[in-house]
PDB file of N, CA and C in Angstrom:
ATOM      1  N   UNK A   1       0.839  -1.190   0.000  1.00  0.00           N
ATOM      2  CA  UNK A   1       0.000   0.000   0.000  1.00  0.00           C
ATOM      3  C   UNK A   1       0.878   1.246   0.000  1.00  0.00           C
ATOM      4  N   UNK A   2       1.658   1.405  -0.999  1.00  0.00           N
ATOM      5  CA  UNK A   2       2.582   2.523  -1.126  1.00  0.00           C
ATOM      6  C   UNK A   2       1.815   3.843  -1.249  1.00  0.00           C
ATOM      7  N   UNK A   3       0.701   3.809  -1.951  1.00  0.00           N
ATOM      8  CA  UNK A   3      -0.098   5.025  -2.141  1.00  0.00           C
ATOM      9  C   UNK A   3      -0.665   5.495  -0.812  1.00  0.00           C
ATOM     10  N   UNK A   4      -1.142   4.563   0.014  1.00  0.00           N
ATOM     11  CA  UNK A   4      -1.708   4.919   1.315  1.00  0.00           C
ATOM     12  C   UNK A   4      -0.680   5.567   2.216  1.00  0.00           C
ATOM     13  N   UNK A   5       0.529   5.025   2.216  1.00  0.00           N
ATOM     14  CA  UNK A   5       1.594   5.600   3.037  1.00  0.00           C
ATOM     15  C   UNK A   5       1.977   6.985   2.533  1.00  0.00           C
ATOM     16  N   UNK A   6       2.020   7.127   1.198  1.00  0.00           N
ATOM     17  CA  UNK A   6       2.346   8.430   0.621  1.00  0.00           C
ATOM     18  C   UNK A   6       1.299   9.465   1.020  1.00  0.00           C
ATOM     19  N   UNK A   7       0.015   9.097   0.851  1.00  0.00           N
ATOM     20  CA  UNK A   7      -1.053  10.045   1.185  1.00  0.00           C
ATOM     21  C   UNK A   7      -1.041  10.390   2.665  1.00  0.00           C
ATOM     22  N   UNK A   8      -0.798   9.386   3.512  1.00  0.00           N
ATOM     23  CA  UNK A   8      -0.725   9.647   4.948  1.00  0.00           C
ATOM     24  C   UNK A   8       0.404  10.611   5.274  1.00  0.00           C
ATOM     25  N   UNK A   9       1.577  10.378   4.685  1.00  0.00           N
ATOM     26  CA  UNK A   9       2.710  11.273   4.904  1.00  0.00           C
ATOM     27  C   UNK A   9       2.456  12.664   4.369  1.00  0.00           C
ATOM     28  N   UNK A  10       1.784  12.711   3.217  1.00  0.00           N
ATOM     29  CA  UNK A  10       1.461  14.007   2.613  1.00  0.00           C
ATOM     30  C   UNK A  10       0.534  14.809   3.523  1.00  0.00           C
ATOM     31  N   UNK A  11      -0.494  14.165   4.044  1.00  0.00           N
ATOM     32  CA  UNK A  11      -1.458  14.849   4.917  1.00  0.00           C
ATOM     33  C   UNK A  11      -0.770  15.324   6.192  1.00  0.00           C
ATOM     34  N   UNK A  12       0.036  14.453   6.794  1.00  0.00           N
ATOM     35  CA  UNK A  12       0.734  14.841   8.025  1.00  0.00           C
ATOM     36  C   UNK A  12       1.693  15.989   7.751  1.00  0.00           C
ATOM     37  N   UNK A  13       2.442  15.903   6.659  1.00  0.00           N
ATOM     38  CA  UNK A  13       3.377  16.976   6.317  1.00  0.00           C
ATOM     39  C   UNK A  13       2.671  18.298   6.057  1.00  0.00           C
ATOM     40  N   UNK A  14       1.558  18.221   5.346  1.00  0.00           N
ATOM     41  CA  UNK A  14       0.786  19.439   5.064  1.00  0.00           C
ATOM     42  C   UNK A  14       0.255  20.047   6.357  1.00  0.00           C
ATOM     43  N   UNK A  15      -0.218  19.199   7.260  1.00  0.00           N
ATOM     44  CA  UNK A  15      -0.751  19.692   8.534  1.00  0.00           C
ATOM     45  C   UNK A  15       0.351  20.358   9.357  1.00  0.00           C
ATOM     46  N   UNK A  16       1.508  19.711   9.417  1.00  0.00           N
ATOM     47  CA  UNK A  16       2.611  20.277  10.191  1.00  0.00           C
ATOM     48  C   UNK A  16       3.079  21.602   9.592  1.00  0.00           C
ATOM     49  N   UNK A  17       3.176  21.654   8.271  1.00  0.00           N
ATOM     50  CA  UNK A  17       3.572  22.894   7.616  1.00  0.00           C
ATOM     51  C   UNK A  17       2.568  24.008   7.862  1.00  0.00           C
ATOM     52  N   UNK A  18       1.308  23.647   7.815  1.00  0.00           N
ATOM     53  CA  UNK A  18       0.259  24.637   8.064  1.00  0.00           C
ATOM     54  C   UNK A  18       0.308  25.175   9.483  1.00  0.00           C
ATOM     55  N   UNK A  19       0.490  24.285  10.448  1.00  0.00           N
ATOM     56  CA  UNK A  19       0.555  24.705  11.851  1.00  0.00           C
ATOM     57  C   UNK A  19       1.765  25.602  12.079  1.00  0.00           C
ATOM     58  N   UNK A  20       2.902  25.199  11.554  1.00  0.00           N
ATOM     59  CA  UNK A  20       4.096  26.040  11.726  1.00  0.00           C
ATOM     60  C   UNK A  20       3.911  27.407  11.057  1.00  0.00           C
ATOM     61  N   UNK A  21       3.325  27.426   9.893  1.00  0.00           N
ATOM     62  CA  UNK A  21       3.077  28.693   9.208  1.00  0.00           C
ATOM     63  C   UNK A  21       2.158  29.597  10.007  1.00  0.00           C
ATOM     64  N   UNK A  22       1.144  28.989  10.615  1.00  0.00           N
ATOM     65  CA  UNK A  22       0.207  29.786  11.412  1.00  0.00           C
ATOM     66  C   UNK A  22       0.869  30.319  12.680  1.00  0.00           C
ATOM     67  N   UNK A  23       1.661  29.480  13.307  1.00  0.00           N
ATOM     68  CA  UNK A  23       2.289  29.902  14.557  1.00  0.00           C
ATOM     69  C   UNK A  23       3.350  30.977  14.343  1.00  0.00           C
ATOM     70  N   UNK A  24       3.983  30.976  13.200  1.00  0.00           N
ATOM     71  CA  UNK A  24       5.031  31.958  12.935  1.00  0.00           C
ATOM     72  C   UNK A  24       4.517  33.218  12.228  1.00  0.00           C
ATOM     73  N   UNK A  25       3.250  33.220  11.854  1.00  0.00           N
ATOM     74  CA  UNK A  25       2.679  34.372  11.147  1.00  0.00           C
ATOM     75  C   UNK A  25       2.409  35.517  12.131  1.00  0.00           C
ATOM     76  N   UNK A  26       2.563  36.754  11.669  1.00  0.00           N
ATOM     77  CA  UNK A  26       2.336  37.909  12.548  1.00  0.00           C
ATOM     78  C   UNK A  26       0.841  38.245  12.683  1.00  0.00           C
ATOM     79  N   UNK A  27       0.149  37.487  13.537  1.00  0.00           N
ATOM     80  CA  UNK A  27      -1.281  37.730  13.796  1.00  0.00           C
ATOM     81  C   UNK A  27      -1.492  37.779  15.311  1.00  0.00           C
ATOM     82  N   UNK A  28      -2.675  38.252  15.689  1.00  0.00           N
ATOM     83  CA  UNK A  28      -3.009  38.239  17.110  1.00  0.00           C
ATOM     84  C   UNK A  28      -3.324  36.797  17.520  1.00  0.00           C
ATOM     85  N   UNK A  29      -3.309  36.534  18.816  1.00  0.00           N
ATOM     86  CA  UNK A  29      -3.578  35.195  19.331  1.00  0.00           C
ATOM     87  C   UNK A  29      -4.954  34.694  18.921  1.00  0.00           C
ATOM     88  N   UNK A  30      -5.961  35.564  19.004  1.00  0.00           N
ATOM     89  CA  UNK A  30      -7.328  35.165  18.650  1.00  0.00           C
ATOM     90  C   UNK A  30      -7.427  34.823  17.164  1.00  0.00           C
ATOM     91  N   UNK A  31      -6.815  35.644  16.313  1.00  0.00           N
ATOM     92  CA  UNK A  31      -6.833  35.373  14.866  1.00  0.00           C
ATOM     93  C   UNK A  31      -6.113  34.068  14.558  1.00  0.00           C
ATOM     94  N   UNK A  32      -4.994  33.846  15.232  1.00  0.00           N
ATOM     95  CA  UNK A  32      -4.223  32.625  14.998  1.00  0.00           C
ATOM     96  C   UNK A  32      -5.016  31.397  15.422  1.00  0.00           C
ATOM     97  N   UNK A  33      -5.668  31.469  16.593  1.00  0.00           N
ATOM     98  CA  UNK A  33      -6.471  30.330  17.058  1.00  0.00           C
ATOM     99  C   UNK A  33      -7.624  30.043  16.105  1.00  0.00           C
ATOM    100  N   UNK A  34      -8.274  31.092  15.631  1.00  0.00           N
ATOM    101  CA  UNK A  34      -9.389  30.915  14.700  1.00  0.00           C
ATOM    102  C   UNK A  34      -8.901  30.306  13.374  1.00  0.00           C
ATOM    103  N   UNK A  35      -7.795  30.820  12.893  1.00  0.00           N
ATOM    104  CA  UNK A  35      -7.231  30.300  11.651  1.00  0.00           C
ATOM    105  C   UNK A  35      -6.767  28.863  11.825  1.00  0.00           C
ATOM    106  N   UNK A  36      -6.158  28.571  12.967  1.00  0.00           N
ATOM    107  CA  UNK A  36      -5.700  27.214  13.263  1.00  0.00           C
ATOM    108  C   UNK A  36      -6.886  26.247  13.314  1.00  0.00           C
ATOM    109  N   UNK A  37      -7.981  26.661  13.918  1.00  0.00           N
ATOM    110  CA  UNK A  37      -9.186  25.832  13.973  1.00  0.00           C
ATOM    111  C   UNK A  37      -9.728  25.585  12.562  1.00  0.00           C
ATOM    112  N   UNK A  38      -9.784  26.633  11.761  1.00  0.00           N
ATOM    113  CA  UNK A  38     -10.270  26.482  10.380  1.00  0.00           C
ATOM    114  C   UNK A  38      -9.393  25.517   9.586  1.00  0.00           C
ATOM    115  N   UNK A  39      -8.084  25.672   9.713  1.00  0.00           N
ATOM    116  CA  UNK A  39      -7.161  24.808   8.972  1.00  0.00           C
ATOM    117  C   UNK A  39      -7.239  23.361   9.468  1.00  0.00           C
ATOM    118  N   UNK A  40      -7.432  23.196  10.776  1.00  0.00           N
ATOM    119  CA  UNK A  40      -7.561  21.846  11.333  1.00  0.00           C
ATOM    120  C   UNK A  40      -8.813  21.167  10.788  1.00  0.00           C
ATOM    121  N   UNK A  41      -9.913  21.888  10.747  1.00  0.00           N
ATOM    122  CA  UNK A  41     -11.148  21.333  10.198  1.00  0.00           C
ATOM    123  C   UNK A  41     -10.987  20.999   8.713  1.00  0.00           C
ATOM    124  N   UNK A  42     -10.299  21.864   7.987  1.00  0.00           N
ATOM    125  CA  UNK A  42     -10.056  21.639   6.555  1.00  0.00           C
ATOM    126  C   UNK A  42      -9.182  20.393   6.349  1.00  0.00           C
ATOM    127  N   UNK A  43      -8.143  20.256   7.166  1.00  0.00           N
ATOM    128  CA  UNK A  43      -7.260  19.092   7.061  1.00  0.00           C
ATOM    129  C   UNK A  43      -8.013  17.811   7.409  1.00  0.00           C
ATOM    130  N   UNK A  44      -8.875  17.880   8.409  1.00  0.00           N
ATOM    131  CA  UNK A  44      -9.669  16.712   8.793  1.00  0.00           C
ATOM    132  C   UNK A  44     -10.571  16.288   7.643  1.00  0.00           C
ATOM    133  N   UNK A  45     -11.226  17.243   7.021  1.00  0.00           N
ATOM    134  CA  UNK A  45     -12.123  16.937   5.908  1.00  0.00           C
ATOM    135  C   UNK A  45     -11.334  16.356   4.728  1.00  0.00           C
ATOM    136  N   UNK A  46     -10.176  16.935   4.448  1.00  0.00           N
ATOM    137  CA  UNK A  46      -9.339  16.434   3.353  1.00  0.00           C
ATOM    138  C   UNK A  46      -8.888  15.007   3.627  1.00  0.00           C
ATOM    139  N   UNK A  47      -8.439  14.747   4.846  1.00  0.00           N
ATOM    140  CA  UNK A  47      -7.984  13.396   5.180  1.00  0.00           C
ATOM    141  C   UNK A  47      -9.147  12.415   5.164  1.00  0.00           C
ATOM    142  N   UNK A  48     -10.313  12.861   5.583  1.00  0.00           N
ATOM    143  CA  UNK A  48     -11.506  12.010   5.557  1.00  0.00           C
ATOM    144  C   UNK A  48     -11.864  11.661   4.110  1.00  0.00           C
ATOM    145  N   UNK A  49     -11.801  12.642   3.219  1.00  0.00           N
ATOM    146  CA  UNK A  49     -12.082  12.393   1.804  1.00  0.00           C
ATOM    147  C   UNK A  49     -11.055  11.437   1.204  1.00  0.00           C
ATOM    148  N   UNK A  50      -9.785  11.624   1.558  1.00  0.00           N
ATOM    149  CA  UNK A  50      -8.729  10.730   1.059  1.00  0.00           C
ATOM    150  C   UNK A  50      -8.942   9.310   1.562  1.00  0.00           C
ATOM    151  N   UNK A  51      -9.318   9.178   2.813  1.00  0.00           N
ATOM    152  CA  UNK A  51      -9.571   7.862   3.386  1.00  0.00           C
ATOM    153  C   UNK A  51     -10.732   7.169   2.679  1.00  0.00           C
ATOM    154  N   UNK A  52     -11.787   7.914   2.390  1.00  0.00           N
ATOM    155  CA  UNK A  52     -12.933   7.337   1.675  1.00  0.00           C
ATOM    156  C   UNK A  52     -12.518   6.874   0.278  1.00  0.00           C
ATOM    157  N   UNK A  53     -11.688   7.664  -0.390  1.00  0.00           N
ATOM    158  CA  UNK A  53     -11.215   7.295  -1.730  1.00  0.00           C
ATOM    159  C   UNK A  53     -10.363   6.029  -1.677  1.00  0.00           C
ATOM    160  N   UNK A  54      -9.474   5.950  -0.700  1.00  0.00           N
ATOM    161  CA  UNK A  54      -8.630   4.763  -0.545  1.00  0.00           C
ATOM    162  C   UNK A  54      -9.491   3.549  -0.217  1.00  0.00           C
ATOM    163  N   UNK A  55     -10.483   3.747   0.635  1.00  0.00           N
ATOM    164  CA  UNK A  55     -11.365   2.645   1.013  1.00  0.00           C
ATOM    165  C   UNK A  55     -12.155   2.150  -0.193  1.00  0.00           C
ATOM    166  N   UNK A  56     -12.624   3.061  -1.032  1.00  0.00           N
ATOM    167  CA  UNK A  56     -13.361   2.679  -2.240  1.00  0.00           C
ATOM    168  C   UNK A  56     -12.464   1.891  -3.177  1.00  0.00           C
ATOM    169  N   UNK A  57     -11.232   2.362  -3.365  1.00  0.00           N
ATOM    170  CA  UNK A  57     -10.297   1.648  -4.243  1.00  0.00           C
ATOM    171  C   UNK A  57      -9.966   0.266  -3.676  1.00  0.00           C
ATOM    172  N   UNK A  58      -9.782   0.170  -2.379  1.00  0.00           N
ATOM    173  CA  UNK A  58      -9.493  -1.124  -1.755  1.00  0.00           C
ATOM    174  C   UNK A  58     -10.668  -2.078  -1.938  1.00  0.00           C
ATOM    175  N   UNK A  59     -11.877  -1.575  -1.790  1.00  0.00           N
ATOM    176  CA  UNK A  59     -13.062  -2.413  -1.998  1.00  0.00           C
ATOM    177  C   UNK A  59     -13.140  -2.891  -3.439  1.00  0.00           C
ATOM    178  N   UNK A  60     -12.816  -2.020  -4.379  1.00  0.00           N
ATOM    179  CA  UNK A  60     -12.818  -2.412  -5.794  1.00  0.00           C
ATOM    180  C   UNK A  60     -11.800  -3.518  -6.051  1.00  0.00           C
ATOM    181  N   UNK A  61     -10.624  -3.378  -5.472  1.00  0.00           N
ATOM    182  CA  UNK A  61      -9.580  -4.393  -5.643  1.00  0.00           C
ATOM    183  C   UNK A  61     -10.044  -5.720  -5.039  1.00  0.00           C
ATOM    184  N   UNK A  62     -10.615  -5.672  -3.849  1.00  0.00           N
ATOM    185  CA  UNK A  62     -11.096  -6.896  -3.210  1.00  0.00           C
ATOM    186  C   UNK A  62     -12.200  -7.558  -4.024  1.00  0.00           C
ATOM    187  N   UNK A  63     -13.118  -6.768  -4.571  1.00  0.00           N
ATOM    188  CA  UNK A  63     -14.170  -7.321  -5.428  1.00  0.00           C
ATOM    189  C   UNK A  63     -13.574  -7.994  -6.653  1.00  0.00           C
ATOM    190  N   UNK A  64     -12.573  -7.372  -7.250  1.00  0.00           N
ATOM    191  CA  UNK A  64     -11.905  -7.926  -8.425  1.00  0.00           C
ATOM    192  C   UNK A  64     -11.210  -9.242  -8.076  1.00  0.00           C
ATOM    193  N   UNK A  65     -10.517  -9.272  -6.948  1.00  0.00           N
ATOM    194  CA  UNK A  65      -9.845 -10.496  -6.510  1.00  0.00           C
ATOM    195  C   UNK A  65     -10.863 -11.600  -6.265  1.00  0.00           C
ATOM    196  N   UNK A  66     -11.966 -11.267  -5.629  1.00  0.00           N
ATOM    197  CA  UNK A  66     -13.012 -12.262  -5.358  1.00  0.00           C
ATOM    198  C   UNK A  66     -13.578 -12.816  -6.654  1.00  0.00           C
ATOM    199  N   UNK A  67     -13.840 -11.945  -7.617  1.00  0.00           N
ATOM    200  CA  UNK A  67     -14.391 -12.369  -8.901  1.00  0.00           C
ATOM    201  C   UNK A  67     -13.423 -13.292  -9.624  1.00  0.00           C
ATOM    202  N   UNK A  68     -12.140 -12.904  -9.654  1.00  0.00           N
ATOM    203  CA  UNK A  68     -11.139 -13.731 -10.333  1.00  0.00           C
ATOM    204  C   UNK A  68     -10.947 -15.059  -9.605  1.00  0.00           C
ATOM    205  N   UNK A  69     -11.011 -15.051  -8.300  1.00  0.00           N
ATOM    206  CA  UNK A  69     -10.915 -16.290  -7.536  1.00  0.00           C
ATOM    207  C   UNK A  69     -12.076 -17.221  -7.843  1.00  0.00           C
ATOM    208  N   UNK A  70     -13.279 -16.657  -7.932  1.00  0.00           N
ATOM    209  CA  UNK A  70     -14.458 -17.458  -8.284  1.00  0.00           C
ATOM    210  C   UNK A  70     -14.322 -18.047  -9.684  1.00  0.00           C
ATOM    211  N   UNK A  71     -13.827 -17.248 -10.619  1.00  0.00           N
ATOM    212  CA  UNK A  71     -13.639 -17.735 -11.992  1.00  0.00           C
ATOM    213  C   UNK A  71     -12.628 -18.879 -12.012  1.00  0.00           C
ATOM    214  N   UNK A  72     -11.530 -18.725 -11.297  1.00  0.00           N
ATOM    215  CA  UNK A  72     -10.504 -19.755 -11.245  1.00  0.00           C
ATOM    216  C   UNK A  72     -11.057 -21.026 -10.600  1.00  0.00           C
ATOM    217  N   UNK A  73     -11.794 -20.882  -9.533  1.00  0.00           N
ATOM    218  CA  UNK A  73     -12.401 -22.028  -8.849  1.00  0.00           C
ATOM    219  C   UNK A  73     -13.321 -22.785  -9.798  1.00  0.00           C
ATOM    220  N   UNK A  74     -14.148 -22.053 -10.537  1.00  0.00           N
ATOM    221  CA  UNK A  74     -15.063 -22.692 -11.492  1.00  0.00           C
ATOM    222  C   UNK A  74     -14.298 -23.411 -12.600  1.00  0.00           C
ATOM    223  N   UNK A  75     -13.217 -22.834 -13.080  1.00  0.00           N
ATOM    224  CA  UNK A  75     -12.414 -23.487 -14.117  1.00  0.00           C
ATOM    225  C   UNK A  75     -11.796 -24.783 -13.590  1.00  0.00           C
ATOM    226  N   UNK A  76     -11.285 -24.737 -12.372  1.00  0.00           N
ATOM    227  CA  UNK A  76     -10.690 -25.939 -11.781  1.00  0.00           C
ATOM    228  C   UNK A  76     -11.751 -27.019 -11.612  1.00  0.00           C
ATOM    229  N   UNK A  77     -12.932 -26.637 -11.154  1.00  0.00           N
ATOM    230  CA  UNK A  77     -14.020 -27.612 -11.012  1.00  0.00           C
ATOM    231  C   UNK A  77     -14.385 -28.217 -12.361  1.00  0.00           C
ATOM    232  N   UNK A  78     -14.454 -27.412 -13.410  1.00  0.00           N
ATOM    233  CA  UNK A  78     -14.759 -27.920 -14.746  1.00  0.00           C
ATOM    234  C   UNK A  78     -13.690 -28.904 -15.215  1.00  0.00           C
ATOM    235  N   UNK A  79     -12.419 -28.575 -14.969  1.00  0.00           N
ATOM    236  CA  UNK A  79     -11.325 -29.477 -15.351  1.00  0.00           C
ATOM    237  C   UNK A  79     -11.418 -30.806 -14.599  1.00  0.00           C
ATOM    238  N   UNK A  80     -11.730 -30.728 -13.324  1.00  0.00           N
ATOM    239  CA  UNK A  80     -11.874 -31.966 -12.536  1.00  0.00           C
ATOM    240  C   UNK A  80     -13.018 -32.808 -13.086  1.00  0.00           C
ATOM    241  N   UNK A  81     -14.126 -32.180 -13.409  1.00  0.00           N
ATOM    242  CA  UNK A  81     -15.278 -32.897 -13.962  1.00  0.00           C
ATOM    243  C   UNK A  81     -14.915 -33.540 -15.296  1.00  0.00           C
ATOM    244  N   UNK A  82     -14.149 -32.817 -16.116  1.00  0.00           N
ATOM    245  CA  UNK A  82     -13.727 -33.362 -17.404  1.00  0.00           C
ATOM    246  C   UNK A  82     -12.824 -34.577 -17.208  1.00  0.00           C
ATOM    247  N   UNK A  83     -11.894 -34.481 -16.269  1.00  0.00           N
ATOM    248  CA  UNK A  83     -10.967 -35.591 -15.997  1.00  0.00           C
ATOM    249  C   UNK A  83     -11.720 -36.810 -15.485  1.00  0.00           C
ATOM    250  N   UNK A  84     -12.692 -36.617 -14.653  1.00  0.00           N
ATOM    251  CA  UNK A  84     -13.475 -37.731 -14.108  1.00  0.00           C
ATOM    252  C   UNK A  84     -14.319 -38.378 -15.209  1.00  0.00           C
ATOM    253  N   UNK A  85     -14.815 -37.558 -16.117  1.00  0.00           N
ATOM    254  CA  UNK A  85     -15.646 -38.072 -17.220  1.00  0.00           C
ATOM    255  C   UNK A  85     -14.813 -38.844 -18.214  1.00  0.00           C
ATOM    256  N   UNK A  86     -13.566 -38.472 -18.410  1.00  0.00           N
ATOM    257  CA  UNK A  86     -12.699 -39.126 -19.381  1.00  0.00           C
ATOM    258  C   UNK A  86     -12.043 -40.375 -18.795  1.00  0.00           C
ATOM    259  N   UNK A  87     -11.895 -40.431 -17.485  1.00  0.00           N
ATOM    260  CA  UNK A  87     -11.182 -41.562 -16.858  1.00  0.00           C
ATOM    261  C   UNK A  87     -11.994 -42.824 -16.833  1.00  0.00           C
TER     262      UNK A  87
END
C-alpha cells in the first residue's frame, strides 16, 4: 500500500507545515487560534475524503480479486469434472 503511506505522509506533512506557518505568522492570538481551527477542520475533511477514496479503491480491488478467484475455482471444477468423465 505505497499510495496509502504516501497520502498519509502528505497529509501529516501538510498539517505540520500549516501549523508552523500559522504559529510563525504575525497575527493576534485570537486570529491565529481561529485560523488554526479552520485549517484543522479543513485538514480533517481532506484526510476524511482521502480515506474514503482509498477505502473505495481497496473495496474495488477486493471485489476484483473475489471475482477472479471465483472464476478460477469454477475453471478448476470444470477441469476436474472433465478428468473424471474421461477416466
